[in-house]
Each structure stands twice: as structure tokens, then as C-alpha cells.
Amino acid sequence: MKRLWLLTIVFSILYSVTVQSHNSLSKAYSSANTYSFLPHVVTISSISKEKVLNTIVNKTLTSIPYSNIGSELVPYSLSFYFADDNKVNGKLTNKPTNEPQQDLGIWTVDNDGKLCITWNYWNASKPFCAYLYDANNSIIFLDPDNKFVSMVVKSNIVAGNHIN
């Protein structure tokens, strides 16, 4: 399991806003409010091997548009079906320029929850790995260097093979 530190507000400086109200005749009256926004740091951990398996096995997951495949950002949704025999079927909503629109491969999950897929064509047939993070209504996929890969809204995880 990997831990990831998230800084929810980028600036570490106390930010204050003063709001003053006045009427339409420009007669100011005293009504000043100050709001402070403090940076908030949280940690989240990648999900366990058991939870990864419960999330993907015998299910079709469809990503939001814009996924990182290898080092290329593609503006398409990607659907995956993870069969219980460790075979995976993937399909992009549109065909990329130099790659097939659909591919088959093999998937594994390490003891630390890292999901790896080796596609027949995509990613030059090299293993592609990501950790999964539960973000309330979605699952975020980050590569081992914590770079964004993709995100799947949980309502887009459905039982069975829905790849045509």
C-alpha cells in the first residue's frame, strides 16, 4: 500500500478576505467580516489488494475522458473488462492515430495492491502499473511515481463484460 500526501490548498500562507458592505447611496456602514483559509494536509493510502480485486474482477470500468496511456495523454474514455482468469479487454471511445482502438492483455495485482496490465499492443506491450485510490465517488489511478493516469467514477463500474 502506498501513502500519498495531498495539500488541499496550495498556498501555505494564511489568506484573509475582508468583506465590507455599503448601501446604494455609498454610505458605508460597519459590517466587516474576515475569513481565514488555512492549508489542510491529508494523507490517503492506495487501496489494498483485496479491495482492488473486489473493485475490478468480472466488472467493466469506464474512465473519464483524458487518460494517460504510456506517456501520451489521450482525450478518450477507456473501458476495461477484468475477467477472473486475469485477462483484460480494453476499448477506447475513439481510435488513436497509431494504435488499435481495442486491445487485450493480462492483469495482475501485487500484494501491495499495485495493478499491472500488459497489453498486446498498447504501451508497446510493456507492463503498465498503477495504484488505486478511493476518492469517495471515484477511483483514482496513479502510476508508481504518483503521476495521474486516469479516474473512474464509481457509477461507471458495472458487473459483467460491457465491451463490444
Protein backbone atom coordinates (compact mmCIF):
# COMPACT_ATOMS: atom_id res chain seq x y z
CA MET A 1 0.00 0.00 0.00
CA LYS A 2 1.31 3.46 -0.88
CA ARG A 3 0.61 6.65 1.06
CA LEU A 4 0.04 9.91 -0.76
CA TRP A 5 0.12 13.36 0.85
CA LEU A 6 -2.39 15.80 -0.57
CA LEU A 7 -2.25 19.52 0.01
CA THR A 8 -5.82 20.66 -0.44
CA ILE A 9 -4.94 24.33 -0.59
CA VAL A 10 -1.71 25.05 -2.43
CA PHE A 11 -0.71 28.19 -0.58
CA SER A 12 0.69 27.79 2.89
CA ILE A 13 0.10 31.46 3.68
CA LEU A 14 -2.85 32.50 5.77
CA TYR A 15 -5.34 34.06 3.36
CA SER A 16 -7.75 36.62 4.70
CA VAL A 17 -10.65 38.23 2.97
CA THR A 18 -12.31 41.30 4.32
CA VAL A 19 -15.78 41.98 3.10
CA GLN A 20 -17.32 45.38 3.54
CA SER A 21 -20.85 46.19 2.60
CA HIS A 22 -22.38 49.54 1.78
CA ASN A 23 -25.73 50.79 0.53
CA SER A 24 -26.53 52.23 -2.88
CA LEU A 25 -26.01 55.80 -1.62
CA SER A 26 -22.38 54.92 -0.86
CA LYS A 27 -22.95 55.47 2.82
CA ALA A 28 -20.68 52.89 4.32
CA TYR A 29 -21.85 51.11 7.37
CA SER A 30 -19.73 48.97 9.57
CA SER A 31 -20.04 45.36 8.52
CA ALA A 32 -16.63 43.78 8.10
CA ASN A 33 -16.12 40.01 8.19
CA THR A 34 -12.75 38.28 7.98
CA TYR A 35 -12.50 34.69 6.72
CA SER A 36 -9.32 32.69 7.11
CA PHE A 37 -8.40 29.73 4.93
CA LEU A 38 -5.70 27.53 6.40
CA PRO A 39 -3.91 24.94 4.32
CA HIS A 40 -5.11 21.43 5.03
CA VAL A 41 -2.90 18.40 4.52
CA VAL A 42 -4.39 14.91 4.40
CA THR A 43 -2.97 11.52 3.60
CA ILE A 44 -4.72 8.83 1.66
CA SER A 45 -3.48 5.32 1.06
CA SER A 46 -3.81 3.21 -2.02
CA ILE A 47 -6.43 0.53 -1.64
CA SER A 48 -5.50 -2.99 -0.59
CA LYS A 49 -5.10 -5.96 -2.91
CA GLU A 50 -8.42 -7.36 -1.65
CA LYS A 51 -10.26 -4.10 -2.37
CA VAL A 52 -8.64 -3.79 -5.83
CA LEU A 53 -9.84 -7.31 -6.64
CA ASN A 54 -13.35 -6.53 -5.34
CA THR A 55 -13.38 -3.35 -7.46
CA ILE A 56 -12.29 -4.85 -10.79
CA VAL A 57 -12.84 -8.61 -11.10
CA ASN A 58 -15.66 -9.51 -13.52
CA LYS A 59 -16.51 -5.83 -13.92
CA THR A 60 -16.32 -3.21 -16.63
CA LEU A 61 -14.80 0.13 -15.61
CA THR A 62 -15.10 3.22 -17.82
CA SER A 63 -12.75 6.13 -17.23
CA ILE A 64 -13.42 9.83 -17.52
CA PRO A 65 -12.17 11.35 -20.78
CA TYR A 66 -8.44 12.07 -20.77
CA SER A 67 -6.28 9.21 -19.65
CA ASN A 68 -2.53 8.78 -19.74
CA ILE A 69 -1.57 5.73 -21.79
CA GLY A 70 2.18 5.31 -21.62
CA SER A 71 3.43 8.86 -21.94
CA GLU A 72 0.58 10.01 -24.18
CA LEU A 73 -2.47 11.90 -22.92
CA VAL A 74 -5.46 10.64 -24.89
CA PRO A 75 -8.75 12.58 -24.91
CA TYR A 76 -10.94 9.48 -24.85
CA SER A 77 -12.73 7.39 -22.31
CA LEU A 78 -11.29 3.93 -21.83
CA SER A 79 -13.39 0.94 -20.84
CA PHE A 80 -11.80 -2.13 -19.28
CA TYR A 81 -13.26 -5.54 -18.52
CA PHE A 82 -11.23 -7.54 -15.98
CA ALA A 83 -12.06 -11.25 -16.27
CA ASP A 84 -11.44 -13.56 -13.31
CA ASP A 85 -8.86 -15.51 -15.38
CA ASN A 86 -6.56 -12.43 -15.37
CA LYS A 87 -7.41 -11.44 -18.93
CA VAL A 88 -8.37 -7.83 -19.64
CA ASN A 89 -10.20 -6.34 -22.60
CA GLY A 90 -9.84 -2.59 -23.20
CA LYS A 91 -11.54 -0.26 -25.64
CA LEU A 92 -11.13 3.47 -26.30
CA THR A 93 -14.16 5.53 -27.32
CA ASN A 94 -12.21 6.76 -30.40
CA LYS A 95 -9.35 5.19 -32.32
CA PRO A 96 -5.95 6.76 -31.60
CA THR A 97 -3.73 7.66 -34.55
CA ASN A 98 -1.13 4.89 -34.32
CA GLU A 99 -2.77 2.36 -32.01
CA PRO A 100 -5.71 -0.02 -32.24
CA GLN A 101 -8.98 1.13 -30.67
CA GLN A 102 -9.33 -2.13 -28.75
CA ASP A 103 -6.70 -4.32 -27.10
CA LEU A 104 -6.41 -7.46 -24.99
CA GLY A 105 -3.97 -8.18 -22.23
CA ILE A 106 -3.17 -9.80 -18.89
CA TRP A 107 -3.67 -8.17 -15.49
CA THR A 108 -2.13 -8.86 -12.07
CA VAL A 109 -2.38 -7.30 -8.62
CA ASP A 110 0.69 -7.31 -6.35
CA ASN A 111 0.43 -7.90 -2.61
CA ASP A 112 0.67 -4.13 -2.04
CA GLY A 113 -2.37 -3.52 -4.29
CA LYS A 114 -0.48 -2.38 -7.41
CA LEU A 115 -2.49 -3.22 -10.53
CA CYS A 116 -0.40 -4.07 -13.61
CA ILE A 117 -1.65 -4.63 -17.14
CA THR A 118 0.40 -5.90 -20.05
CA TRP A 119 -1.48 -5.12 -23.27
CA ASN A 120 -0.85 -6.95 -26.54
CA TYR A 121 -0.34 -3.62 -28.40
CA TRP A 122 -0.90 -0.58 -26.15
CA ASN A 123 2.07 0.79 -24.21
CA ALA A 124 4.39 -1.12 -26.59
CA SER A 125 3.35 -4.36 -24.83
CA LYS A 126 5.24 -3.29 -21.69
CA PRO A 127 3.64 -3.70 -18.26
CA PHE A 128 1.70 -0.66 -17.19
CA CYS A 129 1.13 -0.33 -13.44
CA ALA A 130 -0.97 1.90 -11.19
CA TYR A 131 -2.12 2.20 -7.61
CA LEU A 132 -5.81 2.79 -7.00
CA TYR A 133 -7.06 5.41 -4.52
CA ASP A 134 -10.62 5.58 -3.23
CA ALA A 135 -11.88 9.17 -3.50
CA ASN A 136 -15.47 8.81 -2.26
CA ASN A 137 -17.40 8.73 -5.57
CA SER A 138 -14.47 7.69 -7.77
CA ILE A 139 -11.33 5.60 -8.05
CA ILE A 140 -8.16 7.49 -8.99
CA PHE A 141 -5.35 5.65 -10.81
CA LEU A 142 -1.80 6.93 -10.19
CA ASP A 143 1.37 5.37 -11.57
CA PRO A 144 4.15 4.26 -9.16
CA ASP A 145 5.67 7.77 -9.44
CA ASN A 146 2.33 9.29 -8.29
CA LYS A 147 1.53 10.70 -11.74
CA PHE A 148 -2.13 10.82 -12.74
CA VAL A 149 -3.20 8.02 -15.05
CA SER A 150 -6.98 8.14 -15.01
CA MET A 151 -10.10 8.26 -12.90
CA VAL A 152 -13.23 6.12 -12.86
CA VAL A 153 -16.45 7.41 -11.34
CA LYS A 154 -17.90 4.57 -9.24
CA SER A 155 -21.22 4.73 -11.10
CA ASN A 156 -19.16 3.71 -14.19
CA ILE A 157 -18.14 0.40 -12.59
CA VAL A 158 -20.66 -2.26 -13.63
CA ALA A 159 -20.80 -6.02 -13.25
CA GLY A 160 -20.14 -8.11 -16.34
CA ASN A 161 -18.45 -7.55 -19.69
CA HIS A 162 -19.86 -4.47 -21.44
CA ILE A 163 -17.13 -4.15 -24.07
CA ASN A 164 -18.49 -4.60 -27.60
